[in-house]
Amino acid sequence: MSTRAVLEVIALGVEDAVAAQAGGADRLELVTDMAADGLTPPVETFAGIRAAVDIDLRVMLRLADGFAAGDAEDVARLVRTARAMRAAGADEFVLGFLDADGGVDLAAVERLVAELDGCRWTFHRAIDRAADRDALRKQLDGLPGLDAYLTAGSPTGVDDGLPTLLAEAARHGEPGYEPQIMVGGGLRLEHVPGLKAAGVGAFHIGGAARPGGWGEPVSVAAVGEWRGALDGE
């Protein structure tokens, strides 16, 4: 029996979250400020969404545009943010930081992961900007809670990243390749059959759930179309 593919939808607020769940989303990624590619939302936004839906929620831990964690005070702010989200009931997260050379900022990631105390989390598209994807995966191998990589396979999106995504899917189960590949970033419906055939089991959409653009809320019908495609309907 095949396992149902995971559909994760970006939610900016309660209206998005309710629509995404109604359309068949399995999980939400909670962010604010898509002009900066998604930052940590206020705790109040998380609490409102958590009260409105019963699907899984992953909260972004990112306080500034770009993929640098910042200086010691910035990392301390991230830790305090994670602590506040945990206190409000958040139990799944999204994070990822690189150093100036494009390597993983392991010190910052480990500090945050320690604060998460075993919660499940996704390493996001910082991997698509990494100098060495394989090295990054192996450095993060074994960190508590890491169960997914959100990736397009390329900084420019899935069209360019498909060969990388297919190659990494073929390595699933090797050290560093146990976490689920969740494809997102320029993902289109026509990409789905080939990715599913390669064993990819998780898909992430943002703009694709909003036919009217980022100024409009998530469309139940748009999410439903993706649900149908993932389920082979």
C-alpha atoms as a PDB file:
ATOM      1  CA  MET A   1       0.000   0.000   0.000  1.00  0.00           C
ATOM      2  CA  SER A   2       1.474   3.351  -1.010  1.00  0.00           C
ATOM      3  CA  THR A   3       1.859   6.126   1.533  1.00  0.00           C
ATOM      4  CA  ARG A   4      -0.073   9.299   0.839  1.00  0.00           C
ATOM      5  CA  ALA A   5       2.187  12.148  -0.304  1.00  0.00           C
ATOM      6  CA  VAL A   6       2.545  15.042   2.130  1.00  0.00           C
ATOM      7  CA  LEU A   7       1.217  18.413   0.919  1.00  0.00           C
ATOM      8  CA  GLU A   8       2.543  21.404   2.856  1.00  0.00           C
ATOM      9  CA  VAL A   9       1.108  24.873   2.214  1.00  0.00           C
ATOM     10  CA  ILE A  10       2.492  28.253   3.310  1.00  0.00           C
ATOM     11  CA  ALA A  11       0.051  30.051   5.612  1.00  0.00           C
ATOM     12  CA  LEU A  12       0.337  33.704   6.589  1.00  0.00           C
ATOM     13  CA  GLY A  13      -2.741  33.795   8.820  1.00  0.00           C
ATOM     14  CA  VAL A  14      -5.905  32.055   9.982  1.00  0.00           C
ATOM     15  CA  GLU A  15      -7.784  32.486   6.690  1.00  0.00           C
ATOM     16  CA  ASP A  16      -4.943  30.804   4.774  1.00  0.00           C
ATOM     17  CA  ALA A  17      -4.747  27.991   7.296  1.00  0.00           C
ATOM     18  CA  VAL A  18      -8.453  27.191   7.237  1.00  0.00           C
ATOM     19  CA  ALA A  19      -8.517  27.214   3.428  1.00  0.00           C
ATOM     20  CA  ALA A  20      -5.409  25.029   3.162  1.00  0.00           C
ATOM     21  CA  GLN A  21      -6.868  22.442   5.533  1.00  0.00           C
ATOM     22  CA  ALA A  22     -10.199  22.490   3.666  1.00  0.00           C
ATOM     23  CA  GLY A  23      -8.367  21.902   0.380  1.00  0.00           C
ATOM     24  CA  GLY A  24      -6.567  18.833   1.710  1.00  0.00           C
ATOM     25  CA  ALA A  25      -3.217  20.111   3.010  1.00  0.00           C
ATOM     26  CA  ASP A  26      -1.473  17.817   5.472  1.00  0.00           C
ATOM     27  CA  ARG A  27       0.705  20.486   7.024  1.00  0.00           C
ATOM     28  CA  LEU A  28       1.243  24.239   7.123  1.00  0.00           C
ATOM     29  CA  GLU A  29       4.439  26.267   7.093  1.00  0.00           C
ATOM     30  CA  LEU A  30       3.757  29.406   9.121  1.00  0.00           C
ATOM     31  CA  VAL A  31       5.617  32.529   8.048  1.00  0.00           C
ATOM     32  CA  THR A  32       5.221  36.262   7.713  1.00  0.00           C
ATOM     33  CA  ASP A  33       6.726  38.758   5.240  1.00  0.00           C
ATOM     34  CA  MET A  34       7.055  36.860   1.985  1.00  0.00           C
ATOM     35  CA  ALA A  35       8.894  39.890   0.558  1.00  0.00           C
ATOM     36  CA  ALA A  36      11.797  38.569   2.670  1.00  0.00           C
ATOM     37  CA  ASP A  37      11.056  34.960   1.621  1.00  0.00           C
ATOM     38  CA  GLY A  38       9.329  34.155   4.896  1.00  0.00           C
ATOM     39  CA  LEU A  39      10.181  35.190   8.455  1.00  0.00           C
ATOM     40  CA  THR A  40       8.985  34.064  11.899  1.00  0.00           C
ATOM     41  CA  PRO A  41       5.372  35.075  12.492  1.00  0.00           C
ATOM     42  CA  PRO A  42       4.220  36.633  15.771  1.00  0.00           C
ATOM     43  CA  VAL A  43       3.370  34.177  18.544  1.00  0.00           C
ATOM     44  CA  GLU A  44      -0.212  35.499  18.407  1.00  0.00           C
ATOM     45  CA  THR A  45      -0.482  34.465  14.745  1.00  0.00           C
ATOM     46  CA  PHE A  46       0.686  30.956  15.608  1.00  0.00           C
ATOM     47  CA  ALA A  47      -1.796  30.739  18.495  1.00  0.00           C
ATOM     48  CA  GLY A  48      -4.694  31.877  16.321  1.00  0.00           C
ATOM     49  CA  ILE A  49      -3.876  29.357  13.595  1.00  0.00           C
ATOM     50  CA  ARG A  50      -3.315  26.554  16.095  1.00  0.00           C
ATOM     51  CA  ALA A  51      -6.797  27.219  17.500  1.00  0.00           C
ATOM     52  CA  ALA A  52      -8.373  27.268  14.013  1.00  0.00           C
ATOM     53  CA  VAL A  53      -7.004  24.072  12.440  1.00  0.00           C
ATOM     54  CA  ASP A  54      -5.922  20.630  13.587  1.00  0.00           C
ATOM     55  CA  ILE A  55      -3.296  19.738  10.968  1.00  0.00           C
ATOM     56  CA  ASP A  56       0.446  19.892  11.624  1.00  0.00           C
ATOM     57  CA  LEU A  57       2.076  23.343  11.751  1.00  0.00           C
ATOM     58  CA  ARG A  58       5.758  24.085  11.176  1.00  0.00           C
ATOM     59  CA  VAL A  59       6.854  27.516  12.368  1.00  0.00           C
ATOM     60  CA  MET A  60       9.646  29.355  10.536  1.00  0.00           C
ATOM     61  CA  LEU A  61      12.597  30.384  12.731  1.00  0.00           C
ATOM     62  CA  ARG A  62      14.145  33.199  10.690  1.00  0.00           C
ATOM     63  CA  LEU A  63      14.349  36.832  11.765  1.00  0.00           C
ATOM     64  CA  ALA A  64      15.972  38.500   8.732  1.00  0.00           C
ATOM     65  CA  ASP A  65      16.164  38.083   4.961  1.00  0.00           C
ATOM     66  CA  GLY A  66      18.980  35.879   3.728  1.00  0.00           C
ATOM     67  CA  PHE A  67      20.448  32.680   5.120  1.00  0.00           C
ATOM     68  CA  ALA A  68      22.835  34.021   7.780  1.00  0.00           C
ATOM     69  CA  ALA A  69      21.934  33.544  11.436  1.00  0.00           C
ATOM     70  CA  GLY A  70      23.718  36.804  12.290  1.00  0.00           C
ATOM     71  CA  ASP A  71      25.869  37.634  15.289  1.00  0.00           C
ATOM     72  CA  ALA A  72      25.685  36.211  18.804  1.00  0.00           C
ATOM     73  CA  GLU A  73      22.828  38.541  19.789  1.00  0.00           C
ATOM     74  CA  ASP A  74      20.868  37.588  16.664  1.00  0.00           C
ATOM     75  CA  VAL A  75      21.259  33.907  17.506  1.00  0.00           C
ATOM     76  CA  ALA A  76      20.174  34.633  21.089  1.00  0.00           C
ATOM     77  CA  ARG A  77      17.046  36.340  19.686  1.00  0.00           C
ATOM     78  CA  LEU A  78      16.329  33.263  17.598  1.00  0.00           C
ATOM     79  CA  VAL A  79      16.665  31.081  20.673  1.00  0.00           C
ATOM     80  CA  ARG A  80      14.283  33.341  22.623  1.00  0.00           C
ATOM     81  CA  THR A  81      11.836  33.250  19.708  1.00  0.00           C
ATOM     82  CA  ALA A  82      11.937  29.466  19.620  1.00  0.00           C
ATOM     83  CA  ARG A  83      11.407  29.345  23.375  1.00  0.00           C
ATOM     84  CA  ALA A  84       8.358  31.615  23.110  1.00  0.00           C
ATOM     85  CA  MET A  85       6.882  29.507  20.316  1.00  0.00           C
ATOM     86  CA  ARG A  86       7.452  26.325  22.305  1.00  0.00           C
ATOM     87  CA  ALA A  87       5.752  27.928  25.313  1.00  0.00           C
ATOM     88  CA  ALA A  88       2.767  28.763  23.087  1.00  0.00           C
ATOM     89  CA  GLY A  89       2.495  25.140  22.010  1.00  0.00           C
ATOM     90  CA  ALA A  90       4.506  24.998  18.779  1.00  0.00           C
ATOM     91  CA  ASP A  91       6.087  21.585  18.322  1.00  0.00           C
ATOM     92  CA  GLU A  92       7.353  21.601  14.693  1.00  0.00           C
ATOM     93  CA  PHE A  93       9.731  24.100  13.085  1.00  0.00           C
ATOM     94  CA  VAL A  94      11.578  25.192   9.933  1.00  0.00           C
ATOM     95  CA  LEU A  95      15.128  26.605  10.015  1.00  0.00           C
ATOM     96  CA  GLY A  96      18.461  26.675   8.219  1.00  0.00           C
ATOM     97  CA  PHE A  97      21.559  28.878   8.303  1.00  0.00           C
ATOM     98  CA  LEU A  98      24.718  29.178   6.245  1.00  0.00           C
ATOM     99  CA  ASP A  99      28.054  30.839   7.001  1.00  0.00           C
ATOM    100  CA  ALA A 100      29.773  33.362   4.746  1.00  0.00           C
ATOM    101  CA  ASP A 101      31.433  30.568   2.749  1.00  0.00           C
ATOM    102  CA  GLY A 102      28.196  28.744   1.988  1.00  0.00           C
ATOM    103  CA  GLY A 103      28.766  26.031   4.575  1.00  0.00           C
ATOM    104  CA  VAL A 104      26.179  25.162   7.191  1.00  0.00           C
ATOM    105  CA  ASP A 105      26.346  27.394  10.284  1.00  0.00           C
ATOM    106  CA  LEU A 106      26.434  24.378  12.549  1.00  0.00           C
ATOM    107  CA  ALA A 107      26.864  26.369  15.770  1.00  0.00           C
ATOM    108  CA  ALA A 108      23.676  28.371  15.161  1.00  0.00           C
ATOM    109  CA  VAL A 109      21.686  25.337  14.028  1.00  0.00           C
ATOM    110  CA  GLU A 110      22.810  23.266  17.024  1.00  0.00           C
ATOM    111  CA  ARG A 111      21.887  26.031  19.480  1.00  0.00           C
ATOM    112  CA  LEU A 112      18.384  26.249  18.079  1.00  0.00           C
ATOM    113  CA  VAL A 113      17.945  22.488  17.874  1.00  0.00           C
ATOM    114  CA  ALA A 114      18.951  22.204  21.530  1.00  0.00           C
ATOM    115  CA  GLU A 115      16.182  24.689  22.383  1.00  0.00           C
ATOM    116  CA  LEU A 116      13.658  22.661  20.367  1.00  0.00           C
ATOM    117  CA  ASP A 117      14.272  19.676  22.644  1.00  0.00           C
ATOM    118  CA  GLY A 118      13.503  16.915  20.149  1.00  0.00           C
ATOM    119  CA  CYS A 119      10.781  18.678  18.129  1.00  0.00           C
ATOM    120  CA  ARG A 120      10.609  17.733  14.473  1.00  0.00           C
ATOM    121  CA  TRP A 121      11.997  20.280  12.031  1.00  0.00           C
ATOM    122  CA  THR A 122      12.742  20.956   8.365  1.00  0.00           C
ATOM    123  CA  PHE A 123      16.042  22.336   7.062  1.00  0.00           C
ATOM    124  CA  HIS A 124      14.764  24.784   4.471  1.00  0.00           C
ATOM    125  CA  ARG A 125      16.007  26.062   1.114  1.00  0.00           C
ATOM    126  CA  ALA A 126      19.291  27.317   2.529  1.00  0.00           C
ATOM    127  CA  ILE A 127      20.470  23.925   1.220  1.00  0.00           C
ATOM    128  CA  ASP A 128      19.909  25.259  -2.309  1.00  0.00           C
ATOM    129  CA  ARG A 129      22.462  28.030  -1.604  1.00  0.00           C
ATOM    130  CA  ALA A 130      25.007  25.748   0.050  1.00  0.00           C
ATOM    131  CA  ALA A 131      28.496  25.437  -1.436  1.00  0.00           C
ATOM    132  CA  ASP A 132      28.337  21.648  -1.001  1.00  0.00           C
ATOM    133  CA  ARG A 133      24.926  20.034  -0.498  1.00  0.00           C
ATOM    134  CA  ASP A 134      26.362  16.614   0.298  1.00  0.00           C
ATOM    135  CA  ALA A 135      28.709  18.011   2.957  1.00  0.00           C
ATOM    136  CA  LEU A 136      25.852  19.970   4.521  1.00  0.00           C
ATOM    137  CA  ARG A 137      23.670  16.878   4.746  1.00  0.00           C
ATOM    138  CA  LYS A 138      26.470  14.867   6.342  1.00  0.00           C
ATOM    139  CA  GLN A 139      27.231  17.610   8.889  1.00  0.00           C
ATOM    140  CA  LEU A 140      23.569  17.718   9.918  1.00  0.00           C
ATOM    141  CA  ASP A 141      23.216  13.926   9.962  1.00  0.00           C
ATOM    142  CA  GLY A 142      21.902  12.716  13.298  1.00  0.00           C
ATOM    143  CA  LEU A 143      20.726  16.073  14.656  1.00  0.00           C
ATOM    144  CA  PRO A 144      17.653  15.456  16.842  1.00  0.00           C
ATOM    145  CA  GLY A 145      14.343  16.085  15.103  1.00  0.00           C
ATOM    146  CA  LEU A 146      15.607  16.737  11.558  1.00  0.00           C
ATOM    147  CA  ASP A 147      13.144  14.869   9.360  1.00  0.00           C
ATOM    148  CA  ALA A 148      12.916  16.872   6.109  1.00  0.00           C
ATOM    149  CA  TYR A 149      14.817  19.033   3.639  1.00  0.00           C
ATOM    150  CA  LEU A 150      12.792  21.643   1.768  1.00  0.00           C
ATOM    151  CA  THR A 151      14.581  21.997  -1.551  1.00  0.00           C
ATOM    152  CA  ALA A 152      14.133  22.882  -5.200  1.00  0.00           C
ATOM    153  CA  GLY A 153      17.474  21.299  -6.046  1.00  0.00           C
ATOM    154  CA  SER A 154      18.684  24.708  -7.273  1.00  0.00           C
ATOM    155  CA  PRO A 155      18.563  28.344  -6.083  1.00  0.00           C
ATOM    156  CA  THR A 156      16.560  29.162  -9.216  1.00  0.00           C
ATOM    157  CA  GLY A 157      13.828  26.571  -8.742  1.00  0.00           C
ATOM    158  CA  VAL A 158      12.682  23.068  -9.569  1.00  0.00           C
ATOM    159  CA  ASP A 159      13.064  23.411 -13.359  1.00  0.00           C
ATOM    160  CA  ASP A 160      16.840  23.741 -12.927  1.00  0.00           C
ATOM    161  CA  GLY A 161      17.039  21.519  -9.860  1.00  0.00           C
ATOM    162  CA  LEU A 162      15.291  18.392 -11.136  1.00  0.00           C
ATOM    163  CA  PRO A 163      18.483  16.407 -11.843  1.00  0.00           C
ATOM    164  CA  THR A 164      19.752  17.142  -8.321  1.00  0.00           C
ATOM    165  CA  LEU A 165      16.408  16.233  -6.740  1.00  0.00           C
ATOM    166  CA  LEU A 166      16.259  12.927  -8.617  1.00  0.00           C
ATOM    167  CA  ALA A 167      19.867  12.084  -7.707  1.00  0.00           C
ATOM    168  CA  GLU A 168      19.262  12.841  -4.018  1.00  0.00           C
ATOM    169  CA  ALA A 169      16.020  10.861  -3.976  1.00  0.00           C
ATOM    170  CA  ALA A 170      17.955   7.868  -5.289  1.00  0.00           C
ATOM    171  CA  ARG A 171      20.276   8.113  -2.266  1.00  0.00           C
ATOM    172  CA  HIS A 172      17.473   8.028   0.316  1.00  0.00           C
ATOM    173  CA  GLY A 173      18.520   6.013   3.338  1.00  0.00           C
ATOM    174  CA  GLU A 174      22.245   6.726   3.032  1.00  0.00           C
ATOM    175  CA  PRO A 175      23.907   8.711   5.862  1.00  0.00           C
ATOM    176  CA  GLY A 176      22.704  12.293   5.514  1.00  0.00           C
ATOM    177  CA  TYR A 177      19.901  11.259   3.173  1.00  0.00           C
ATOM    178  CA  GLU A 178      17.442   9.732   5.654  1.00  0.00           C
ATOM    179  CA  PRO A 179      15.301  12.889   6.068  1.00  0.00           C
ATOM    180  CA  GLN A 180      12.401  13.223   3.670  1.00  0.00           C
ATOM    181  CA  ILE A 181      12.894  15.340   0.553  1.00  0.00           C
ATOM    182  CA  MET A 182      10.122  17.936   0.383  1.00  0.00           C
ATOM    183  CA  VAL A 183      10.180  19.662  -2.994  1.00  0.00           C
ATOM    184  CA  GLY A 184       9.265  23.340  -3.164  1.00  0.00           C
ATOM    185  CA  GLY A 185      10.352  26.479  -4.972  1.00  0.00           C
ATOM    186  CA  GLY A 186       8.963  26.971  -8.465  1.00  0.00           C
ATOM    187  CA  LEU A 187       7.175  23.619  -8.183  1.00  0.00           C
ATOM    188  CA  ARG A 188       4.449  23.061 -10.781  1.00  0.00           C
ATOM    189  CA  LEU A 189       1.859  20.333 -11.201  1.00  0.00           C
ATOM    190  CA  GLU A 190       3.657  18.907 -14.221  1.00  0.00           C
ATOM    191  CA  HIS A 191       6.714  18.180 -12.051  1.00  0.00           C
ATOM    192  CA  VAL A 192       4.730  15.910  -9.728  1.00  0.00           C
ATOM    193  CA  PRO A 193       4.522  12.597 -11.645  1.00  0.00           C
ATOM    194  CA  GLY A 194       8.271  12.352 -12.276  1.00  0.00           C
ATOM    195  CA  LEU A 195       9.139  13.305  -8.704  1.00  0.00           C
ATOM    196  CA  LYS A 196       6.666  10.805  -7.265  1.00  0.00           C
ATOM    197  CA  ALA A 197       8.023   8.091  -9.552  1.00  0.00           C
ATOM    198  CA  ALA A 198      11.501   8.826  -8.154  1.00  0.00           C
ATOM    199  CA  GLY A 199      10.233   8.287  -4.621  1.00  0.00           C
ATOM    200  CA  VAL A 200       9.703  11.898  -3.530  1.00  0.00           C
ATOM    201  CA  GLY A 201       6.878  11.889  -0.995  1.00  0.00           C
ATOM    202  CA  ALA A 202       6.456  15.495   0.110  1.00  0.00           C
ATOM    203  CA  PHE A 203       5.566  18.685  -1.750  1.00  0.00           C
ATOM    204  CA  HIS A 204       5.486  22.337  -0.639  1.00  0.00           C
ATOM    205  CA  ILE A 205       3.510  25.148  -2.268  1.00  0.00           C
ATOM    206  CA  GLY A 206       3.177  28.859  -1.598  1.00  0.00           C
ATOM    207  CA  GLY A 207       2.304  30.970  -4.611  1.00  0.00           C
ATOM    208  CA  ALA A 208       0.724  27.959  -6.317  1.00  0.00           C
ATOM    209  CA  ALA A 209      -1.955  27.951  -3.605  1.00  0.00           C
ATOM    210  CA  ARG A 210      -2.788  31.602  -4.380  1.00  0.00           C
ATOM    211  CA  PRO A 211      -3.871  32.089  -7.998  1.00  0.00           C
ATOM    212  CA  GLY A 212      -4.513  35.768  -7.175  1.00  0.00           C
ATOM    213  CA  GLY A 213      -0.952  36.333  -5.952  1.00  0.00           C
ATOM    214  CA  TRP A 214       0.515  36.862  -2.497  1.00  0.00           C
ATOM    215  CA  GLY A 215      -1.940  39.665  -1.778  1.00  0.00           C
ATOM    216  CA  GLU A 216      -4.771  37.141  -1.871  1.00  0.00           C
ATOM    217  CA  PRO A 217      -5.511  34.306   0.564  1.00  0.00           C
ATOM    218  CA  VAL A 218      -4.998  30.610  -0.075  1.00  0.00           C
ATOM    219  CA  SER A 219      -7.544  29.134  -2.490  1.00  0.00           C
ATOM    220  CA  VAL A 220      -9.346  25.983  -1.341  1.00  0.00           C
ATOM    221  CA  ALA A 221      -9.767  24.961  -4.979  1.00  0.00           C
ATOM    222  CA  ALA A 222      -6.073  25.449  -5.805  1.00  0.00           C
ATOM    223  CA  VAL A 223      -4.998  23.331  -2.828  1.00  0.00           C
ATOM    224  CA  GLY A 224      -7.613  20.745  -3.785  1.00  0.00           C
ATOM    225  CA  GLU A 225      -6.155  20.526  -7.290  1.00  0.00           C
ATOM    226  CA  TRP A 226      -2.720  19.763  -5.822  1.00  0.00           C
ATOM    227  CA  ARG A 227      -4.216  17.223  -3.426  1.00  0.00           C
ATOM    228  CA  GLY A 228      -5.835  15.454  -6.327  1.00  0.00           C
ATOM    229  CA  ALA A 229      -2.611  15.457  -8.330  1.00  0.00           C
ATOM    230  CA  LEU A 230      -0.614  14.027  -5.437  1.00  0.00           C
ATOM    231  CA  ASP A 231      -3.228  11.364  -4.848  1.00  0.00           C
ATOM    232  CA  GLY A 232      -3.256  10.462  -8.551  1.00  0.00           C
ATOM    233  CA  GLU A 233      -6.847  11.564  -9.126  1.00  0.00           C
END
